[in-house]
C-alpha atoms as a PDB file:
ATOM      1  CA  MET A   1      95.094 138.729 113.419  1.00  0.00           C
ATOM      2  CA  PHE A   2      93.099 135.537 112.825  1.00  0.00           C
ATOM      3  CA  GLY A   3      91.783 136.831 109.532  1.00  0.00           C
ATOM      4  CA  SER A   4      95.307 137.453 108.286  1.00  0.00           C
ATOM      5  CA  ILE A   5      96.446 133.873 108.946  1.00  0.00           C
ATOM      6  CA  ALA A   6      93.281 132.190 107.621  1.00  0.00           C
ATOM      7  CA  PRO A   7      94.800 131.215 104.227  1.00  0.00           C
ATOM      8  CA  THR A   8      97.549 129.099 105.860  1.00  0.00           C
ATOM      9  CA  TYR A   9      95.769 128.207 109.114  1.00  0.00           C
ATOM     10  CA  ASP A  10      94.923 124.573 108.325  1.00  0.00           C
ATOM     11  CA  LEU A  11      98.268 123.849 106.695  1.00  0.00           C
ATOM     12  CA  LEU A  12     100.215 125.178 109.665  1.00  0.00           C
ATOM     13  CA  ASN A  13      98.021 123.354 112.187  1.00  0.00           C
ATOM     14  CA  HIS A  14      98.882 120.065 110.508  1.00  0.00           C
ATOM     15  CA  ILE A  15     102.572 120.845 109.969  1.00  0.00           C
ATOM     16  CA  LEU A  16     103.306 122.295 113.405  1.00  0.00           C
ATOM     17  CA  SER A  17     101.440 119.528 115.262  1.00  0.00           C
ATOM     18  CA  PHE A  18     102.860 116.782 113.012  1.00  0.00           C
ATOM     19  CA  SER A  19      99.204 116.076 112.081  1.00  0.00           C
ATOM     20  CA  MET A  20      98.419 115.180 115.705  1.00  0.00           C
ATOM     21  CA  ASP A  21      95.704 117.849 115.722  1.00  0.00           C
ATOM     22  CA  ARG A  22      93.438 115.417 113.822  1.00  0.00           C
ATOM     23  CA  HIS A  23      94.004 112.750 116.493  1.00  0.00           C
ATOM     24  CA  TRP A  24      93.284 115.169 119.347  1.00  0.00           C
ATOM     25  CA  ARG A  25      89.989 116.241 117.796  1.00  0.00           C
ATOM     26  CA  SER A  26      88.923 112.635 117.316  1.00  0.00           C
ATOM     27  CA  ILE A  27      89.547 112.033 121.031  1.00  0.00           C
ATOM     28  CA  VAL A  28      87.189 114.907 121.872  1.00  0.00           C
ATOM     29  CA  ARG A  29      84.465 113.302 119.783  1.00  0.00           C
ATOM     30  CA  LYS A  30      85.015 109.824 121.229  1.00  0.00           C
ATOM     31  CA  ARG A  31      85.087 111.041 124.836  1.00  0.00           C
ATOM     32  CA  LEU A  32      81.873 112.998 124.403  1.00  0.00           C
ATOM     33  CA  ALA A  33      80.100 110.269 122.459  1.00  0.00           C
ATOM     34  CA  SER A  34      80.516 107.929 125.430  1.00  0.00           C
ATOM     35  CA  ARG A  35      78.667 110.442 127.652  1.00  0.00           C
ATOM     36  CA  LEU A  36      75.818 111.396 125.327  1.00  0.00           C
ATOM     37  CA  GLU A  37      72.383 110.026 124.615  1.00  0.00           C
ATOM     38  CA  ASN A  38      69.931 111.503 122.112  1.00  0.00           C
ATOM     39  CA  CYS A  39      72.084 114.554 121.352  1.00  0.00           C
ATOM     40  CA  ASN A  40      70.471 116.699 118.656  1.00  0.00           C
ATOM     41  CA  LEU A  41      72.470 119.953 118.576  1.00  0.00           C
ATOM     42  CA  ILE A  42      76.127 120.795 119.249  1.00  0.00           C
ATOM     43  CA  LEU A  43      77.844 124.180 119.481  1.00  0.00           C
ATOM     44  CA  ASP A  44      81.440 124.371 118.279  1.00  0.00           C
ATOM     45  CA  LEU A  45      82.732 127.693 119.547  1.00  0.00           C
ATOM     46  CA  CYS A  46      85.850 129.453 118.214  1.00  0.00           C
ATOM     47  CA  THR A  47      85.473 127.021 115.347  1.00  0.00           C
ATOM     48  CA  GLY A  48      88.037 128.617 113.024  1.00  0.00           C
ATOM     49  CA  THR A  49      87.799 126.726 109.742  1.00  0.00           C
ATOM     50  CA  GLY A  50      85.561 124.064 111.277  1.00  0.00           C
ATOM     51  CA  ASP A  51      87.834 121.040 111.824  1.00  0.00           C
ATOM     52  CA  LEU A  52      86.311 120.099 115.182  1.00  0.00           C
ATOM     53  CA  ALA A  53      82.804 120.861 113.893  1.00  0.00           C
ATOM     54  CA  ILE A  54      83.395 118.333 111.095  1.00  0.00           C
ATOM     55  CA  GLU A  55      84.470 115.752 113.667  1.00  0.00           C
ATOM     56  CA  MET A  56      81.515 116.451 115.963  1.00  0.00           C
ATOM     57  CA  ALA A  57      79.048 116.253 113.048  1.00  0.00           C
ATOM     58  CA  LYS A  58      79.558 112.480 113.264  1.00  0.00           C
ATOM     59  CA  ILE A  59      77.456 112.671 116.455  1.00  0.00           C
ATOM     60  CA  ALA A  60      74.824 115.341 115.721  1.00  0.00           C
ATOM     61  CA  PRO A  61      74.199 118.566 113.766  1.00  0.00           C
ATOM     62  CA  VAL A  62      76.612 121.359 114.666  1.00  0.00           C
ATOM     63  CA  ILE A  63      76.402 125.141 114.792  1.00  0.00           C
ATOM     64  CA  ALA A  64      79.968 126.361 114.235  1.00  0.00           C
ATOM     65  CA  CYS A  65      80.548 129.860 115.613  1.00  0.00           C
ATOM     66  CA  ASP A  66      83.512 132.211 115.255  1.00  0.00           C
ATOM     67  CA  PHE A  67      84.080 135.951 115.075  1.00  0.00           C
ATOM     68  CA  SER A  68      86.625 135.782 112.232  1.00  0.00           C
ATOM     69  CA  HIS A  69      84.858 136.152 108.885  1.00  0.00           C
ATOM     70  CA  PRO A  70      87.826 134.958 106.758  1.00  0.00           C
ATOM     71  CA  MET A  71      88.081 131.782 108.864  1.00  0.00           C
ATOM     72  CA  LEU A  72      84.367 131.076 108.411  1.00  0.00           C
ATOM     73  CA  ILE A  73      84.557 131.561 104.648  1.00  0.00           C
ATOM     74  CA  ARG A  74      87.216 128.861 104.479  1.00  0.00           C
ATOM     75  CA  GLY A  75      85.202 126.668 106.804  1.00  0.00           C
ATOM     76  CA  VAL A  76      82.127 126.868 104.577  1.00  0.00           C
ATOM     77  CA  LYS A  77      84.188 125.847 101.533  1.00  0.00           C
ATOM     78  CA  LYS A  78      85.695 122.921 103.443  1.00  0.00           C
ATOM     79  CA  VAL A  79      82.309 121.692 104.691  1.00  0.00           C
ATOM     80  CA  ASN A  80      80.923 121.894 101.161  1.00  0.00           C
ATOM     81  CA  ARG A  81      83.798 119.730  99.919  1.00  0.00           C
ATOM     82  CA  TYR A  82      82.940 117.138 102.577  1.00  0.00           C
ATOM     83  CA  GLN A  83      79.243 117.422 101.636  1.00  0.00           C
ATOM     84  CA  LEU A  84      78.343 118.295 105.230  1.00  0.00           C
ATOM     85  CA  SER A  85      76.496 121.557 104.616  1.00  0.00           C
ATOM     86  CA  LYS A  86      73.256 120.013 105.940  1.00  0.00           C
ATOM     87  CA  GLN A  87      75.001 118.959 109.147  1.00  0.00           C
ATOM     88  CA  ILE A  88      77.034 122.090 109.906  1.00  0.00           C
ATOM     89  CA  LEU A  89      75.816 125.685 109.989  1.00  0.00           C
ATOM     90  CA  PHE A  90      78.402 128.471 110.304  1.00  0.00           C
ATOM     91  CA  VAL A  91      77.454 131.544 112.344  1.00  0.00           C
ATOM     92  CA  GLU A  92      79.559 134.660 112.760  1.00  0.00           C
ATOM     93  CA  GLY A  93      79.393 135.707 116.406  1.00  0.00           C
ATOM     94  CA  ASP A  94      81.228 136.889 119.502  1.00  0.00           C
ATOM     95  CA  ALA A  95      81.969 134.195 122.113  1.00  0.00           C
ATOM     96  CA  LEU A  96      81.468 136.781 124.874  1.00  0.00           C
ATOM     97  CA  SER A  97      77.945 137.589 123.655  1.00  0.00           C
ATOM     98  CA  LEU A  98      76.621 134.592 121.781  1.00  0.00           C
ATOM     99  CA  PRO A  99      73.823 135.194 119.249  1.00  0.00           C
ATOM    100  CA  PHE A 100      71.774 132.229 120.480  1.00  0.00           C
ATOM    101  CA  PRO A 101      68.839 131.799 122.869  1.00  0.00           C
ATOM    102  CA  SER A 102      69.436 130.124 126.210  1.00  0.00           C
ATOM    103  CA  HIS A 103      69.346 126.368 126.864  1.00  0.00           C
ATOM    104  CA  ILE A 104      69.367 125.079 123.259  1.00  0.00           C
ATOM    105  CA  PHE A 105      72.581 123.002 122.999  1.00  0.00           C
ATOM    106  CA  GLN A 106      73.347 119.641 124.562  1.00  0.00           C
ATOM    107  CA  VAL A 107      77.100 119.980 123.989  1.00  0.00           C
ATOM    108  CA  ALA A 108      79.610 122.796 123.473  1.00  0.00           C
ATOM    109  CA  THR A 109      83.163 122.283 122.255  1.00  0.00           C
ATOM    110  CA  ILE A 110      86.095 124.685 122.065  1.00  0.00           C
ATOM    111  CA  ALA A 111      89.385 123.643 120.464  1.00  0.00           C
ATOM    112  CA  PHE A 112      92.384 125.890 121.061  1.00  0.00           C
ATOM    113  CA  GLY A 113      90.126 128.911 121.442  1.00  0.00           C
ATOM    114  CA  LEU A 114      89.275 129.525 125.095  1.00  0.00           C
ATOM    115  CA  ARG A 115      92.699 131.040 125.815  1.00  0.00           C
ATOM    116  CA  ASN A 116      92.120 133.553 122.992  1.00  0.00           C
ATOM    117  CA  LEU A 117      89.056 135.069 124.642  1.00  0.00           C
ATOM    118  CA  GLU A 118      89.435 138.493 126.195  1.00  0.00           C
ATOM    119  CA  ASN A 119      87.620 137.243 129.299  1.00  0.00           C
ATOM    120  CA  TYR A 120      87.621 133.519 130.121  1.00  0.00           C
ATOM    121  CA  ARG A 121      84.933 133.839 132.785  1.00  0.00           C
ATOM    122  CA  VAL A 122      82.462 135.656 130.550  1.00  0.00           C
ATOM    123  CA  GLY A 123      83.080 133.135 127.777  1.00  0.00           C
ATOM    124  CA  LEU A 124      82.331 130.190 130.068  1.00  0.00           C
ATOM    125  CA  LEU A 125      79.243 131.930 131.449  1.00  0.00           C
ATOM    126  CA  GLU A 126      77.939 132.403 127.909  1.00  0.00           C
ATOM    127  CA  VAL A 127      78.514 128.734 127.131  1.00  0.00           C
ATOM    128  CA  ALA A 128      76.658 127.800 130.333  1.00  0.00           C
ATOM    129  CA  ARG A 129      73.770 130.067 129.314  1.00  0.00           C
ATOM    130  CA  VAL A 130      73.220 128.401 125.936  1.00  0.00           C
ATOM    131  CA  LEU A 131      73.683 124.849 127.269  1.00  0.00           C
ATOM    132  CA  GLN A 132      70.809 122.823 128.616  1.00  0.00           C
ATOM    133  CA  GLU A 133      71.032 121.681 132.238  1.00  0.00           C
ATOM    134  CA  GLY A 134      73.242 118.623 132.378  1.00  0.00           C
ATOM    135  CA  GLY A 135      74.867 119.536 129.057  1.00  0.00           C
ATOM    136  CA  HIS A 136      78.590 119.072 128.535  1.00  0.00           C
ATOM    137  CA  ILE A 137      81.430 121.393 127.637  1.00  0.00           C
ATOM    138  CA  ALA A 138      84.708 120.091 126.211  1.00  0.00           C
ATOM    139  CA  VAL A 139      87.738 122.369 126.024  1.00  0.00           C
ATOM    140  CA  LEU A 140      90.816 121.235 124.105  1.00  0.00           C
ATOM    141  CA  GLU A 141      93.838 123.392 124.850  1.00  0.00           C
ATOM    142  CA  ILE A 142      97.593 123.470 124.458  1.00  0.00           C
ATOM    143  CA  GLY A 143      99.232 122.263 127.657  1.00  0.00           C
ATOM    144  CA  VAL A 144     102.632 122.191 129.308  1.00  0.00           C
ATOM    145  CA  PRO A 145     104.400 118.795 129.565  1.00  0.00           C
ATOM    146  CA  ALA A 146     105.087 117.594 133.113  1.00  0.00           C
ATOM    147  CA  SER A 147     108.282 115.763 132.130  1.00  0.00           C
ATOM    148  CA  SER A 148     111.347 117.957 132.518  1.00  0.00           C
ATOM    149  CA  ILE A 149     113.074 116.374 129.498  1.00  0.00           C
ATOM    150  CA  LEU A 150     110.034 116.622 127.217  1.00  0.00           C
ATOM    151  CA  GLY A 151     109.311 120.055 128.664  1.00  0.00           C
ATOM    152  CA  THR A 152     112.749 121.330 127.685  1.00  0.00           C
ATOM    153  CA  PHE A 153     112.426 120.193 124.076  1.00  0.00           C
ATOM    154  CA  TYR A 154     108.823 121.429 124.010  1.00  0.00           C
ATOM    155  CA  ARG A 155     109.763 124.940 125.146  1.00  0.00           C
ATOM    156  CA  ILE A 156     112.529 125.194 122.544  1.00  0.00           C
ATOM    157  CA  TYR A 157     110.163 124.021 119.811  1.00  0.00           C
ATOM    158  CA  PHE A 158     107.150 125.982 120.967  1.00  0.00           C
ATOM    159  CA  GLU A 159     108.813 129.269 121.851  1.00  0.00           C
ATOM    160  CA  ARG A 160     111.458 129.457 119.115  1.00  0.00           C
ATOM    161  CA  PHE A 161     110.896 127.104 116.187  1.00  0.00           C
ATOM    162  CA  LEU A 162     107.097 127.260 115.965  1.00  0.00           C
ATOM    163  CA  PRO A 163     106.768 131.087 115.916  1.00  0.00           C
ATOM    164  CA  LEU A 164     109.518 131.318 113.285  1.00  0.00           C
ATOM    165  CA  VAL A 165     108.031 128.697 110.935  1.00  0.00           C
ATOM    166  CA  GLY A 166     104.467 129.893 111.528  1.00  0.00           C
ATOM    167  CA  GLY A 167     105.447 133.492 110.900  1.00  0.00           C
ATOM    168  CA  LEU A 168     107.375 132.720 107.725  1.00  0.00           C
ATOM    169  CA  VAL A 169     104.673 130.510 106.179  1.00  0.00           C
ATOM    170  CA  SER A 170     101.788 132.813 107.143  1.00  0.00           C
ATOM    171  CA  ARG A 171     103.858 135.957 106.492  1.00  0.00           C
ATOM    172  CA  ASN A 172     102.634 137.257 109.820  1.00  0.00           C
ATOM    173  CA  LEU A 173     105.324 136.974 112.494  1.00  0.00           C
ATOM    174  CA  ASN A 174     103.302 138.657 115.229  1.00  0.00           C
ATOM    175  CA  SER A 175     100.458 136.120 115.044  1.00  0.00           C
ATOM    176  CA  TYR A 176     102.664 133.161 115.888  1.00  0.00           C
ATOM    177  CA  ARG A 177     104.694 135.076 118.462  1.00  0.00           C
ATOM    178  CA  TYR A 178     101.370 135.597 120.213  1.00  0.00           C
ATOM    179  CA  LEU A 179     100.769 131.832 120.516  1.00  0.00           C
ATOM    180  CA  PRO A 180     103.387 131.019 123.209  1.00  0.00           C
ATOM    181  CA  GLU A 181     102.359 134.123 125.152  1.00  0.00           C
ATOM    182  CA  SER A 182      98.698 133.096 125.200  1.00  0.00           C
ATOM    183  CA  VAL A 183      99.609 129.578 126.388  1.00  0.00           C
ATOM    184  CA  ARG A 184     101.752 130.941 129.235  1.00  0.00           C
ATOM    185  CA  GLU A 185      98.930 133.187 130.425  1.00  0.00           C
ATOM    186  CA  PHE A 186      96.191 130.532 130.287  1.00  0.00           C
ATOM    187  CA  PRO A 187      95.008 129.386 133.758  1.00  0.00           C
ATOM    188  CA  ARG A 188      95.719 125.822 134.821  1.00  0.00           C
ATOM    189  CA  GLY A 189      95.042 123.441 137.686  1.00  0.00           C
ATOM    190  CA  SER A 190      92.970 124.812 140.542  1.00  0.00           C
ATOM    191  CA  GLU A 191      92.666 128.219 138.866  1.00  0.00           C
ATOM    192  CA  LEU A 192      91.029 126.675 135.802  1.00  0.00           C
ATOM    193  CA  GLN A 193      88.793 124.533 138.002  1.00  0.00           C
ATOM    194  CA  ARG A 194      87.559 127.657 139.803  1.00  0.00           C
ATOM    195  CA  LEU A 195      86.656 129.234 136.459  1.00  0.00           C
ATOM    196  CA  PHE A 196      84.526 126.221 135.501  1.00  0.00           C
ATOM    197  CA  LEU A 197      82.859 126.034 138.918  1.00  0.00           C
ATOM    198  CA  GLY A 198      82.189 129.779 138.952  1.00  0.00           C
ATOM    199  CA  ALA A 199      80.459 129.546 135.573  1.00  0.00           C
ATOM    200  CA  GLY A 200      78.088 126.835 136.796  1.00  0.00           C
ATOM    201  CA  PHE A 201      79.911 123.693 135.684  1.00  0.00           C
ATOM    202  CA  SER A 202      81.090 120.674 137.617  1.00  0.00           C
ATOM    203  CA  LYS A 203      84.769 120.224 138.339  1.00  0.00           C
ATOM    204  CA  PRO A 204      86.286 119.370 134.953  1.00  0.00           C
ATOM    205  CA  ASN A 205      87.599 115.924 134.199  1.00  0.00           C
ATOM    206  CA  SER A 206      91.006 116.708 132.720  1.00  0.00           C
ATOM    207  CA  LEU A 207      92.981 114.432 130.440  1.00  0.00           C
ATOM    208  CA  ARG A 208      96.575 115.044 129.378  1.00  0.00           C
ATOM    209  CA  LEU A 209      97.286 114.011 125.779  1.00  0.00           C
ATOM    210  CA  SER A 210     100.620 113.369 124.050  1.00  0.00           C
ATOM    211  CA  GLY A 211     102.633 113.732 127.237  1.00  0.00           C
ATOM    212  CA  GLY A 212     100.784 116.860 128.299  1.00  0.00           C
ATOM    213  CA  ILE A 213     101.345 118.817 125.092  1.00  0.00           C
ATOM    214  CA  VAL A 214      97.556 119.092 124.889  1.00  0.00           C
ATOM    215  CA  GLU A 215      94.888 118.913 127.605  1.00  0.00           C
ATOM    216  CA  LEU A 216      91.211 118.002 127.301  1.00  0.00           C
ATOM    217  CA  HIS A 217      88.840 119.350 129.953  1.00  0.00           C
ATOM    218  CA  ILE A 218      85.266 118.030 130.072  1.00  0.00           C
ATOM    219  CA  ALA A 219      82.687 119.371 132.527  1.00  0.00           C
ATOM    220  CA  ARG A 220      78.926 119.162 132.966  1.00  0.00           C
ATOM    221  CA  LYS A 221      76.551 122.052 133.473  1.00  0.00           C
ATOM    222  CA  GLN A 222      75.133 121.751 136.950  1.00  0.00           C
ATOM    223  CA  VAL A 223      71.478 120.881 137.339  1.00  0.00           C
ATOM    224  CA  VAL A 224      69.534 123.342 139.472  1.00  0.00           C
ATOM    225  CA  ASN A 225      67.021 121.613 141.722  1.00  0.00           C
ATOM    226  CA  SER A 226      63.565 123.147 141.414  1.00  0.00           C
END
């Protein structure tokens, strides 16, 4: 599915978010930068075509990992255009079984990808495994606005207009019909907190962006006392 929409993925991200996706990714970088000292390696998981990896490369070198080969091919071309090939390395890999040794990253980021994993818990456990103790995870995800008025307009846009436009532009209707379904099924609130805690992270600090259309969750891998 992701391979089939790779050619129009970036274009639709910008169109359907009214280019707010760039702003949201910059917030991830700024929020993490304020927490980090001497960071030397970042993992961007479910990287797609590498937009968040490019943003995070302003802090430290990034390994950008995804299981979709067509997405990674486009990401490599984009990074080359930005002359960031020395800062960003693309790796094809499964988020549920990461091809990295344990405890090597100081930071892991996931933008609009955690809800696509077949098993959220296993994905978070794998991130915890490859993070150093005290390392941070930042998850950027589509949210649900709290305001009833905004929520009404949001549901109409997100459940009707967005799948139609996304399907027509990408020529893959099923891919963008899947998007609202995946957002509805994604855990929130105390359920999401339990997932983080069960994977060995602190309770996430959650920030609602753009009226709750997007949420940023940042947590720290717990330090085990020896």
